[in-house]
Amino acid sequence: MENGNHGIGNGKVRIGNREFDVAHHTYVMGILNVTPDSFSDGGCYNTLERALAHAGRMVEEGADILDIGGESTRPGHQQISVEEEIERTAPVVERLRREFDVPLSIDTYKVPVAACALKAGADLVNDIWGLRYDPGMAALIAGQDAACCLMHNRDNTCYGNLMGEVLSDLRITLGLAEEAGIPRERILVDPGVGFGKDYRQNLAVLAHLEQLHELGVPILLGASRKSVIGLTLDLPVTERLEGTLVTTVYAVQKGCAFVRVHDVKEHVRTIRMTEAIRDGWREEYDGE
């Protein structure tokens, strides 16, 4: 896919104190799950010191944003209380804000959790229900002048026209954001791989990522280590790096602005190589 802003305003998006050039580069959001039961790394970073150490490694490896999650949203997960989610996430966000100069994201669909994280220093709310779970989320984000990532999600996998309905659902979500006063330049959308979609539907979404550019906002792809990779390659969650890297190459080619991943170093290198192939040859051959 050729470079270009895909109709995204001036091709820039602001998250925290950083402006991202989403017209020309794909950025890396590093996953920091402070949970005991996430599908991939549950229990690995659920103490403050472990979380800080892992965050430091991801920043050193080139993470552009850190996404902190306190509740597993894997299929069949058990919802935890708002109080417990706040206890898991707010102290981590507060320490990360003091320690690192990178934008911070809170992965939650609950208004009180988001509010506490924003107060602690988060810059972006990553809402897996796209403002449709809690009617107060859009107003909170607008009132705090925060950025947001709004994901496509459903409680079923029944589609007549998969991509048409994904786009339609996301347009409704963007309408909620607009009504609340969230500026377009503060919004990302996520097609929701692994959420409200079966195996074949997940593959189809990955194959047609470019259609999301019709929405006029930057795209974030979150496919890291997910079941679509495990089912395709018949591999456990611990062996899905190569499959995830392929989705990141696709994300770059399809013009996605961000990828949300567990393995930061490998994805930073993959993006750099993919973009070099896509763009580097022009330096020599443009103008001939």
C-alpha atoms as a PDB file:
ATOM      1  CA  MET A   1       0.000   0.000   0.000  1.00  0.00           C
ATOM      2  CA  GLU A   2       1.255   3.450  -0.862  1.00  0.00           C
ATOM      3  CA  ASN A   3       2.044   5.963   1.838  1.00  0.00           C
ATOM      4  CA  GLY A   4      -0.575   8.553   2.578  1.00  0.00           C
ATOM      5  CA  ASN A   5      -2.784   9.835   5.346  1.00  0.00           C
ATOM      6  CA  HIS A   6      -5.826   7.859   4.159  1.00  0.00           C
ATOM      7  CA  GLY A   7      -8.107  10.824   4.760  1.00  0.00           C
ATOM      8  CA  ILE A   8      -6.975  11.296   8.373  1.00  0.00           C
ATOM      9  CA  GLY A   9      -6.985  15.080   8.646  1.00  0.00           C
ATOM     10  CA  ASN A  10      -3.388  16.286   8.598  1.00  0.00           C
ATOM     11  CA  GLY A  11      -2.051  12.777   9.237  1.00  0.00           C
ATOM     12  CA  LYS A  12      -1.259  13.527  12.884  1.00  0.00           C
ATOM     13  CA  VAL A  13      -2.706  12.293  16.160  1.00  0.00           C
ATOM     14  CA  ARG A  14      -1.875  13.610  19.634  1.00  0.00           C
ATOM     15  CA  ILE A  15      -1.617  11.282  22.611  1.00  0.00           C
ATOM     16  CA  GLY A  16      -0.359  12.841  25.813  1.00  0.00           C
ATOM     17  CA  ASN A  17       2.599  15.092  25.092  1.00  0.00           C
ATOM     18  CA  ARG A  18       3.476  13.369  21.831  1.00  0.00           C
ATOM     19  CA  GLU A  19       2.298  13.893  18.274  1.00  0.00           C
ATOM     20  CA  PHE A  20       2.313  10.778  16.077  1.00  0.00           C
ATOM     21  CA  ASP A  21       2.827  10.922  12.313  1.00  0.00           C
ATOM     22  CA  VAL A  22       0.255   8.290  11.450  1.00  0.00           C
ATOM     23  CA  ALA A  23       0.441   9.045   7.731  1.00  0.00           C
ATOM     24  CA  HIS A  24       3.952   7.644   7.360  1.00  0.00           C
ATOM     25  CA  HIS A  25       4.764   5.282  10.216  1.00  0.00           C
ATOM     26  CA  THR A  26       3.347   2.391  12.238  1.00  0.00           C
ATOM     27  CA  TYR A  27       3.958   2.721  15.984  1.00  0.00           C
ATOM     28  CA  VAL A  28       4.188   0.089  18.716  1.00  0.00           C
ATOM     29  CA  MET A  29       1.926  -0.084  21.765  1.00  0.00           C
ATOM     30  CA  GLY A  30       3.461  -2.401  24.349  1.00  0.00           C
ATOM     31  CA  ILE A  31       1.094  -4.556  26.413  1.00  0.00           C
ATOM     32  CA  LEU A  32       1.475  -4.462  30.206  1.00  0.00           C
ATOM     33  CA  ASN A  33      -1.029  -6.840  31.810  1.00  0.00           C
ATOM     34  CA  VAL A  34      -1.034  -6.450  35.597  1.00  0.00           C
ATOM     35  CA  THR A  35      -3.347  -9.438  35.931  1.00  0.00           C
ATOM     36  CA  PRO A  36      -3.047 -12.968  37.304  1.00  0.00           C
ATOM     37  CA  ASP A  37      -5.044 -14.540  34.481  1.00  0.00           C
ATOM     38  CA  SER A  38      -4.489 -12.897  31.081  1.00  0.00           C
ATOM     39  CA  PHE A  39      -4.428 -15.471  28.272  1.00  0.00           C
ATOM     40  CA  SER A  40      -0.763 -14.929  27.395  1.00  0.00           C
ATOM     41  CA  ASP A  41       1.189 -13.448  30.295  1.00  0.00           C
ATOM     42  CA  GLY A  42      -1.140 -13.617  33.267  1.00  0.00           C
ATOM     43  CA  GLY A  43       0.740 -13.551  36.565  1.00  0.00           C
ATOM     44  CA  CYS A  44       4.022 -12.398  35.029  1.00  0.00           C
ATOM     45  CA  TYR A  45       3.771  -8.691  35.876  1.00  0.00           C
ATOM     46  CA  ASN A  46       1.094  -8.453  38.559  1.00  0.00           C
ATOM     47  CA  THR A  47       3.315  -6.848  41.188  1.00  0.00           C
ATOM     48  CA  LEU A  48       4.388  -3.229  41.027  1.00  0.00           C
ATOM     49  CA  GLU A  49       8.090  -3.986  40.759  1.00  0.00           C
ATOM     50  CA  ARG A  50       7.641  -6.604  38.041  1.00  0.00           C
ATOM     51  CA  ALA A  51       5.361  -4.257  36.111  1.00  0.00           C
ATOM     52  CA  LEU A  52       7.877  -1.422  36.311  1.00  0.00           C
ATOM     53  CA  ALA A  53      10.748  -3.663  35.216  1.00  0.00           C
ATOM     54  CA  HIS A  54       8.809  -4.964  32.222  1.00  0.00           C
ATOM     55  CA  ALA A  55       7.692  -1.454  31.278  1.00  0.00           C
ATOM     56  CA  GLY A  56      11.311  -0.338  31.377  1.00  0.00           C
ATOM     57  CA  ARG A  57      12.325  -3.158  29.055  1.00  0.00           C
ATOM     58  CA  MET A  58       9.581  -2.286  26.587  1.00  0.00           C
ATOM     59  CA  VAL A  59      10.563   1.387  26.563  1.00  0.00           C
ATOM     60  CA  GLU A  60      14.210   0.446  25.976  1.00  0.00           C
ATOM     61  CA  GLU A  61      13.129  -1.810  23.116  1.00  0.00           C
ATOM     62  CA  GLY A  62      11.263   1.044  21.443  1.00  0.00           C
ATOM     63  CA  ALA A  63       7.657   1.012  22.675  1.00  0.00           C
ATOM     64  CA  ASP A  64       5.896   4.238  21.709  1.00  0.00           C
ATOM     65  CA  ILE A  65       2.958   3.738  24.106  1.00  0.00           C
ATOM     66  CA  LEU A  66       2.395   1.476  27.109  1.00  0.00           C
ATOM     67  CA  ASP A  67      -1.069  -0.081  27.545  1.00  0.00           C
ATOM     68  CA  ILE A  68      -1.883  -1.084  31.127  1.00  0.00           C
ATOM     69  CA  GLY A  69      -4.650  -3.616  31.727  1.00  0.00           C
ATOM     70  CA  GLY A  70      -6.002  -4.857  35.052  1.00  0.00           C
ATOM     71  CA  GLU A  71      -8.711  -7.279  33.915  1.00  0.00           C
ATOM     72  CA  SER A  72      -8.318 -10.161  31.518  1.00  0.00           C
ATOM     73  CA  THR A  73     -10.698  -9.957  28.565  1.00  0.00           C
ATOM     74  CA  ARG A  74      -9.822 -13.362  27.124  1.00  0.00           C
ATOM     75  CA  PRO A  75     -12.772 -15.525  26.051  1.00  0.00           C
ATOM     76  CA  GLY A  76     -14.585 -16.841  29.131  1.00  0.00           C
ATOM     77  CA  HIS A  77     -12.893 -14.382  31.495  1.00  0.00           C
ATOM     78  CA  GLN A  78     -14.367 -13.561  34.888  1.00  0.00           C
ATOM     79  CA  GLN A  79     -15.198  -9.911  35.390  1.00  0.00           C
ATOM     80  CA  ILE A  80     -13.588  -8.393  38.466  1.00  0.00           C
ATOM     81  CA  SER A  81     -14.880  -5.548  40.612  1.00  0.00           C
ATOM     82  CA  VAL A  82     -14.182  -1.925  39.800  1.00  0.00           C
ATOM     83  CA  GLU A  83     -12.347  -1.583  43.102  1.00  0.00           C
ATOM     84  CA  GLU A  84      -9.999  -4.468  42.371  1.00  0.00           C
ATOM     85  CA  GLU A  85      -9.266  -3.217  38.860  1.00  0.00           C
ATOM     86  CA  ILE A  86      -8.429   0.229  40.215  1.00  0.00           C
ATOM     87  CA  GLU A  87      -6.160  -1.286  42.877  1.00  0.00           C
ATOM     88  CA  ARG A  88      -4.288  -3.193  40.175  1.00  0.00           C
ATOM     89  CA  THR A  89      -3.885  -0.369  37.663  1.00  0.00           C
ATOM     90  CA  ALA A  90      -3.848   3.079  39.279  1.00  0.00           C
ATOM     91  CA  PRO A  91      -0.610   2.619  41.297  1.00  0.00           C
ATOM     92  CA  VAL A  92       1.133   1.234  38.213  1.00  0.00           C
ATOM     93  CA  VAL A  93       0.018   4.145  36.045  1.00  0.00           C
ATOM     94  CA  GLU A  94       1.124   6.631  38.704  1.00  0.00           C
ATOM     95  CA  ARG A  95       4.622   5.109  38.962  1.00  0.00           C
ATOM     96  CA  LEU A  96       5.009   4.768  35.194  1.00  0.00           C
ATOM     97  CA  ARG A  97       4.089   8.422  34.786  1.00  0.00           C
ATOM     98  CA  ARG A  98       6.928   9.370  37.144  1.00  0.00           C
ATOM     99  CA  GLU A  99       9.438   6.951  35.637  1.00  0.00           C
ATOM    100  CA  PHE A 100       8.904   7.161  31.868  1.00  0.00           C
ATOM    101  CA  ASP A 101       8.233   9.879  29.319  1.00  0.00           C
ATOM    102  CA  VAL A 102       5.984   7.856  27.018  1.00  0.00           C
ATOM    103  CA  PRO A 103       2.219   8.097  26.580  1.00  0.00           C
ATOM    104  CA  LEU A 104       0.242   5.734  28.795  1.00  0.00           C
ATOM    105  CA  SER A 105      -2.972   3.910  27.931  1.00  0.00           C
ATOM    106  CA  ILE A 106      -5.483   2.327  30.310  1.00  0.00           C
ATOM    107  CA  ASP A 107      -7.144  -0.798  28.925  1.00  0.00           C
ATOM    108  CA  THR A 108     -10.627  -0.681  30.459  1.00  0.00           C
ATOM    109  CA  TYR A 109     -14.295  -0.304  29.585  1.00  0.00           C
ATOM    110  CA  LYS A 110     -15.316   0.895  33.078  1.00  0.00           C
ATOM    111  CA  VAL A 111     -15.672   4.612  33.782  1.00  0.00           C
ATOM    112  CA  PRO A 112     -14.385   4.627  37.401  1.00  0.00           C
ATOM    113  CA  VAL A 113     -11.275   2.671  36.396  1.00  0.00           C
ATOM    114  CA  ALA A 114     -10.604   5.016  33.482  1.00  0.00           C
ATOM    115  CA  ALA A 115     -11.183   8.072  35.668  1.00  0.00           C
ATOM    116  CA  CYS A 116      -8.670   6.898  38.275  1.00  0.00           C
ATOM    117  CA  ALA A 117      -6.102   6.031  35.622  1.00  0.00           C
ATOM    118  CA  LEU A 118      -6.469   9.405  33.904  1.00  0.00           C
ATOM    119  CA  LYS A 119      -6.035  11.127  37.277  1.00  0.00           C
ATOM    120  CA  ALA A 120      -2.905   9.025  37.868  1.00  0.00           C
ATOM    121  CA  GLY A 121      -1.424  10.126  34.541  1.00  0.00           C
ATOM    122  CA  ALA A 122      -2.858   8.020  31.716  1.00  0.00           C
ATOM    123  CA  ASP A 123      -3.247   9.723  28.349  1.00  0.00           C
ATOM    124  CA  LEU A 124      -5.479   7.313  26.431  1.00  0.00           C
ATOM    125  CA  VAL A 125      -8.469   5.097  27.230  1.00  0.00           C
ATOM    126  CA  ASN A 126      -8.440   1.798  25.329  1.00  0.00           C
ATOM    127  CA  ASP A 127     -12.108   0.722  25.436  1.00  0.00           C
ATOM    128  CA  ILE A 128     -12.832  -2.786  24.111  1.00  0.00           C
ATOM    129  CA  TRP A 129     -16.556  -1.959  23.937  1.00  0.00           C
ATOM    130  CA  GLY A 130     -16.136   1.259  21.936  1.00  0.00           C
ATOM    131  CA  LEU A 131     -18.064   3.542  24.360  1.00  0.00           C
ATOM    132  CA  ARG A 132     -21.050   1.156  24.353  1.00  0.00           C
ATOM    133  CA  TYR A 133     -20.609  -0.583  27.709  1.00  0.00           C
ATOM    134  CA  ASP A 134     -20.762   2.433  30.016  1.00  0.00           C
ATOM    135  CA  PRO A 135     -22.685   5.483  28.762  1.00  0.00           C
ATOM    136  CA  GLY A 136     -20.486   7.796  30.800  1.00  0.00           C
ATOM    137  CA  MET A 137     -17.205   6.817  29.114  1.00  0.00           C
ATOM    138  CA  ALA A 138     -17.461   9.217  26.175  1.00  0.00           C
ATOM    139  CA  ALA A 139     -18.162  12.185  28.461  1.00  0.00           C
ATOM    140  CA  LEU A 140     -15.247  11.264  30.717  1.00  0.00           C
ATOM    141  CA  ILE A 141     -12.807  11.079  27.804  1.00  0.00           C
ATOM    142  CA  ALA A 142     -14.048  14.366  26.359  1.00  0.00           C
ATOM    143  CA  GLY A 143     -13.969  16.115  29.729  1.00  0.00           C
ATOM    144  CA  GLN A 144     -10.399  15.027  30.419  1.00  0.00           C
ATOM    145  CA  ASP A 145      -9.227  15.882  26.887  1.00  0.00           C
ATOM    146  CA  ALA A 146      -7.906  12.326  26.670  1.00  0.00           C
ATOM    147  CA  ALA A 147      -7.259  10.257  23.589  1.00  0.00           C
ATOM    148  CA  CYS A 148      -9.094   7.001  23.058  1.00  0.00           C
ATOM    149  CA  CYS A 149      -8.933   3.741  21.135  1.00  0.00           C
ATOM    150  CA  LEU A 150     -12.414   2.489  20.317  1.00  0.00           C
ATOM    151  CA  MET A 151     -12.652  -1.193  19.481  1.00  0.00           C
ATOM    152  CA  HIS A 152     -15.259  -3.096  17.513  1.00  0.00           C
ATOM    153  CA  ASN A 153     -16.988  -5.708  19.620  1.00  0.00           C
ATOM    154  CA  ARG A 154     -20.206  -7.733  19.743  1.00  0.00           C
ATOM    155  CA  ASP A 155     -21.705 -10.348  22.033  1.00  0.00           C
ATOM    156  CA  ASN A 156     -22.219 -12.690  19.052  1.00  0.00           C
ATOM    157  CA  THR A 157     -20.622 -13.670  15.739  1.00  0.00           C
ATOM    158  CA  CYS A 158     -23.710 -13.333  13.534  1.00  0.00           C
ATOM    159  CA  TYR A 159     -22.982 -11.192  10.471  1.00  0.00           C
ATOM    160  CA  GLY A 160     -24.672 -10.845   7.119  1.00  0.00           C
ATOM    161  CA  ASN A 161     -21.879  -8.667   5.714  1.00  0.00           C
ATOM    162  CA  LEU A 162     -18.841  -8.831   7.990  1.00  0.00           C
ATOM    163  CA  MET A 163     -16.825  -5.771   6.985  1.00  0.00           C
ATOM    164  CA  GLY A 164     -19.916  -3.720   6.204  1.00  0.00           C
ATOM    165  CA  GLU A 165     -21.282  -4.367   9.678  1.00  0.00           C
ATOM    166  CA  VAL A 166     -17.930  -3.811  11.393  1.00  0.00           C
ATOM    167  CA  LEU A 167     -17.756  -0.416   9.686  1.00  0.00           C
ATOM    168  CA  SER A 168     -21.381   0.344  10.527  1.00  0.00           C
ATOM    169  CA  ASP A 169     -20.864  -0.518  14.193  1.00  0.00           C
ATOM    170  CA  LEU A 170     -17.731   1.617  14.358  1.00  0.00           C
ATOM    171  CA  ARG A 171     -19.562   4.536  12.756  1.00  0.00           C
ATOM    172  CA  ILE A 172     -22.098   4.340  15.585  1.00  0.00           C
ATOM    173  CA  THR A 173     -19.224   4.380  18.071  1.00  0.00           C
ATOM    174  CA  LEU A 174     -17.662   7.392  16.344  1.00  0.00           C
ATOM    175  CA  GLY A 175     -21.048   9.095  16.494  1.00  0.00           C
ATOM    176  CA  LEU A 176     -21.107   8.628  20.278  1.00  0.00           C
ATOM    177  CA  ALA A 177     -17.630  10.144  20.468  1.00  0.00           C
ATOM    178  CA  GLU A 178     -18.643  13.104  18.318  1.00  0.00           C
ATOM    179  CA  GLU A 179     -21.789  13.749  20.372  1.00  0.00           C
ATOM    180  CA  ALA A 180     -19.663  13.836  23.532  1.00  0.00           C
ATOM    181  CA  GLY A 181     -17.185  16.262  21.996  1.00  0.00           C
ATOM    182  CA  ILE A 182     -14.148  14.014  21.560  1.00  0.00           C
ATOM    183  CA  PRO A 183     -12.066  15.547  18.723  1.00  0.00           C
ATOM    184  CA  ARG A 184     -11.379  13.260  15.764  1.00  0.00           C
ATOM    185  CA  GLU A 185      -7.637  13.835  16.121  1.00  0.00           C
ATOM    186  CA  ARG A 186      -7.821  12.125  19.536  1.00  0.00           C
ATOM    187  CA  ILE A 187      -9.450   8.907  18.316  1.00  0.00           C
ATOM    188  CA  LEU A 188      -8.080   5.541  17.139  1.00  0.00           C
ATOM    189  CA  VAL A 189     -10.199   2.590  16.021  1.00  0.00           C
ATOM    190  CA  ASP A 190      -9.473  -1.105  16.496  1.00  0.00           C
ATOM    191  CA  PRO A 191     -11.239  -3.742  14.335  1.00  0.00           C
ATOM    192  CA  GLY A 192     -11.425  -6.090  17.322  1.00  0.00           C
ATOM    193  CA  VAL A 193      -9.600  -9.219  16.195  1.00  0.00           C
ATOM    194  CA  GLY A 194     -10.632 -11.948  18.627  1.00  0.00           C
ATOM    195  CA  PHE A 195     -13.741 -10.149  19.861  1.00  0.00           C
ATOM    196  CA  GLY A 196     -17.218 -10.973  18.550  1.00  0.00           C
ATOM    197  CA  LYS A 197     -15.718 -12.887  15.619  1.00  0.00           C
ATOM    198  CA  ASP A 198     -14.974 -16.507  14.870  1.00  0.00           C
ATOM    199  CA  TYR A 199     -11.788 -17.880  13.312  1.00  0.00           C
ATOM    200  CA  ARG A 200     -12.698 -17.226   9.660  1.00  0.00           C
ATOM    201  CA  GLN A 201     -14.101 -13.793  10.477  1.00  0.00           C
ATOM    202  CA  ASN A 202     -10.857 -12.841  12.222  1.00  0.00           C
ATOM    203  CA  LEU A 203      -8.872 -13.854   9.135  1.00  0.00           C
ATOM    204  CA  ALA A 204     -11.235 -11.820   6.937  1.00  0.00           C
ATOM    205  CA  VAL A 205     -10.846  -8.726   9.106  1.00  0.00           C
ATOM    206  CA  LEU A 206      -7.056  -9.034   8.909  1.00  0.00           C
ATOM    207  CA  ALA A 207      -7.260  -9.414   5.121  1.00  0.00           C
ATOM    208  CA  HIS A 208      -9.415  -6.297   4.719  1.00  0.00           C
ATOM    209  CA  LEU A 209      -7.899  -3.873   7.233  1.00  0.00           C
ATOM    210  CA  GLU A 210      -7.636  -1.162   4.571  1.00  0.00           C
ATOM    211  CA  GLN A 211     -11.424  -0.804   4.526  1.00  0.00           C
ATOM    212  CA  LEU A 212     -11.275   0.830   7.952  1.00  0.00           C
ATOM    213  CA  HIS A 213      -9.679   3.889   6.367  1.00  0.00           C
ATOM    214  CA  GLU A 214     -13.203   4.834   5.282  1.00  0.00           C
ATOM    215  CA  LEU A 215     -13.739   5.945   8.886  1.00  0.00           C
ATOM    216  CA  GLY A 216     -11.124   8.696   8.587  1.00  0.00           C
ATOM    217  CA  VAL A 217      -9.306   7.951  11.861  1.00  0.00           C
ATOM    218  CA  PRO A 218      -6.077   6.016  12.575  1.00  0.00           C
ATOM    219  CA  ILE A 219      -6.250   2.235  12.924  1.00  0.00           C
ATOM    220  CA  LEU A 220      -4.769   0.193  15.765  1.00  0.00           C
ATOM    221  CA  LEU A 221      -4.378  -3.549  15.228  1.00  0.00           C
ATOM    222  CA  GLY A 222      -4.312  -5.833  18.247  1.00  0.00           C
ATOM    223  CA  ALA A 223      -3.631  -9.391  17.097  1.00  0.00           C
ATOM    224  CA  SER A 224      -0.678 -10.324  19.288  1.00  0.00           C
ATOM    225  CA  ARG A 225      -0.590 -14.040  20.182  1.00  0.00           C
ATOM    226  CA  LYS A 226      -4.349 -14.362  19.644  1.00  0.00           C
ATOM    227  CA  SER A 227      -6.296 -17.543  18.927  1.00  0.00           C
ATOM    228  CA  VAL A 228      -6.544 -16.843  15.192  1.00  0.00           C
ATOM    229  CA  ILE A 229      -2.773 -17.348  15.070  1.00  0.00           C
ATOM    230  CA  GLY A 230      -2.862 -20.398  17.313  1.00  0.00           C
ATOM    231  CA  LEU A 231      -5.607 -22.035  15.276  1.00  0.00           C
ATOM    232  CA  THR A 232      -3.914 -21.291  11.961  1.00  0.00           C
ATOM    233  CA  LEU A 233      -0.524 -22.631  13.008  1.00  0.00           C
ATOM    234  CA  ASP A 234      -1.705 -25.137  15.634  1.00  0.00           C
ATOM    235  CA  LEU A 235       0.554 -23.547  18.235  1.00  0.00           C
ATOM    236  CA  PRO A 236       0.228 -22.698  21.940  1.00  0.00           C
ATOM    237  CA  VAL A 237       0.221 -19.086  23.056  1.00  0.00           C
ATOM    238  CA  THR A 238       3.935 -19.217  23.901  1.00  0.00           C
ATOM    239  CA  GLU A 239       4.866 -19.979  20.265  1.00  0.00           C
ATOM    240  CA  ARG A 240       2.895 -17.407  18.304  1.00  0.00           C
ATOM    241  CA  LEU A 241       5.537 -14.729  17.750  1.00  0.00           C
ATOM    242  CA  GLU A 242       6.162 -15.452  14.060  1.00  0.00           C
ATOM    243  CA  GLY A 243       2.457 -15.493  13.292  1.00  0.00           C
ATOM    244  CA  THR A 244       2.003 -12.206  15.107  1.00  0.00           C
ATOM    245  CA  LEU A 245       4.880 -10.657  13.165  1.00  0.00           C
ATOM    246  CA  VAL A 246       3.061 -11.517   9.926  1.00  0.00           C
ATOM    247  CA  THR A 247       0.010  -9.591  11.140  1.00  0.00           C
ATOM    248  CA  THR A 248       2.258  -6.623  11.847  1.00  0.00           C
ATOM    249  CA  VAL A 249       3.704  -6.718   8.320  1.00  0.00           C
ATOM    250  CA  TYR A 250       0.116  -6.721   7.049  1.00  0.00           C
ATOM    251  CA  ALA A 251      -0.678  -3.802   9.371  1.00  0.00           C
ATOM    252  CA  VAL A 252       2.155  -1.746   7.883  1.00  0.00           C
ATOM    253  CA  GLN A 253       1.159  -2.620   4.326  1.00  0.00           C
ATOM    254  CA  LYS A 254      -2.487  -1.795   5.032  1.00  0.00           C
ATOM    255  CA  GLY A 255      -1.640   1.590   6.559  1.00  0.00           C
ATOM    256  CA  CYS A 256      -2.348   0.877  10.243  1.00  0.00           C
ATOM    257  CA  ALA A 257      -1.016   3.535  12.594  1.00  0.00           C
ATOM    258  CA  PHE A 258      -0.395   1.319  15.648  1.00  0.00           C
ATOM    259  CA  VAL A 259       0.059  -2.322  16.585  1.00  0.00           C
ATOM    260  CA  ARG A 260      -0.589  -3.518  20.127  1.00  0.00           C
ATOM    261  CA  VAL A 261       1.899  -6.291  20.946  1.00  0.00           C
ATOM    262  CA  HIS A 262       3.575  -8.303  23.681  1.00  0.00           C
ATOM    263  CA  ASP A 263       7.015  -8.620  22.020  1.00  0.00           C
ATOM    264  CA  VAL A 264       8.144  -5.048  21.468  1.00  0.00           C
ATOM    265  CA  LYS A 265      11.718  -5.491  20.236  1.00  0.00           C
ATOM    266  CA  GLU A 266      10.790  -7.939  17.492  1.00  0.00           C
ATOM    267  CA  HIS A 267       7.914  -5.785  16.251  1.00  0.00           C
ATOM    268  CA  VAL A 268       9.952  -2.577  16.214  1.00  0.00           C
ATOM    269  CA  ARG A 269      12.493  -4.339  13.995  1.00  0.00           C
ATOM    270  CA  THR A 270       9.808  -5.863  11.785  1.00  0.00           C
ATOM    271  CA  ILE A 271       8.153  -2.486  11.219  1.00  0.00           C
ATOM    272  CA  ARG A 272      11.480  -0.824  10.471  1.00  0.00           C
ATOM    273  CA  MET A 273      12.325  -3.455   7.839  1.00  0.00           C
ATOM    274  CA  THR A 274       8.872  -3.443   6.273  1.00  0.00           C
ATOM    275  CA  GLU A 275       8.824   0.339   6.015  1.00  0.00           C
ATOM    276  CA  ALA A 276      12.347   0.356   4.549  1.00  0.00           C
ATOM    277  CA  ILE A 277      11.214  -1.961   1.751  1.00  0.00           C
ATOM    278  CA  ARG A 278       8.055   0.068   1.243  1.00  0.00           C
ATOM    279  CA  ASP A 279       9.713   3.494   1.250  1.00  0.00           C
ATOM    280  CA  GLY A 280      13.494   3.214   1.022  1.00  0.00           C
ATOM    281  CA  TRP A 281      13.768   2.510  -2.693  1.00  0.00           C
ATOM    282  CA  ARG A 282      12.186   5.907  -3.474  1.00  0.00           C
ATOM    283  CA  GLU A 283      15.305   7.752  -2.308  1.00  0.00           C
ATOM    284  CA  GLU A 284      17.252   6.281  -5.212  1.00  0.00           C
ATOM    285  CA  TYR A 285      14.629   5.953  -7.915  1.00  0.00           C
ATOM    286  CA  ASP A 286      12.277   8.881  -7.416  1.00  0.00           C
ATOM    287  CA  GLY A 287      12.758  11.416 -10.154  1.00  0.00           C
ATOM    288  CA  GLU A 288      14.234   9.048 -12.711  1.00  0.00           C
END
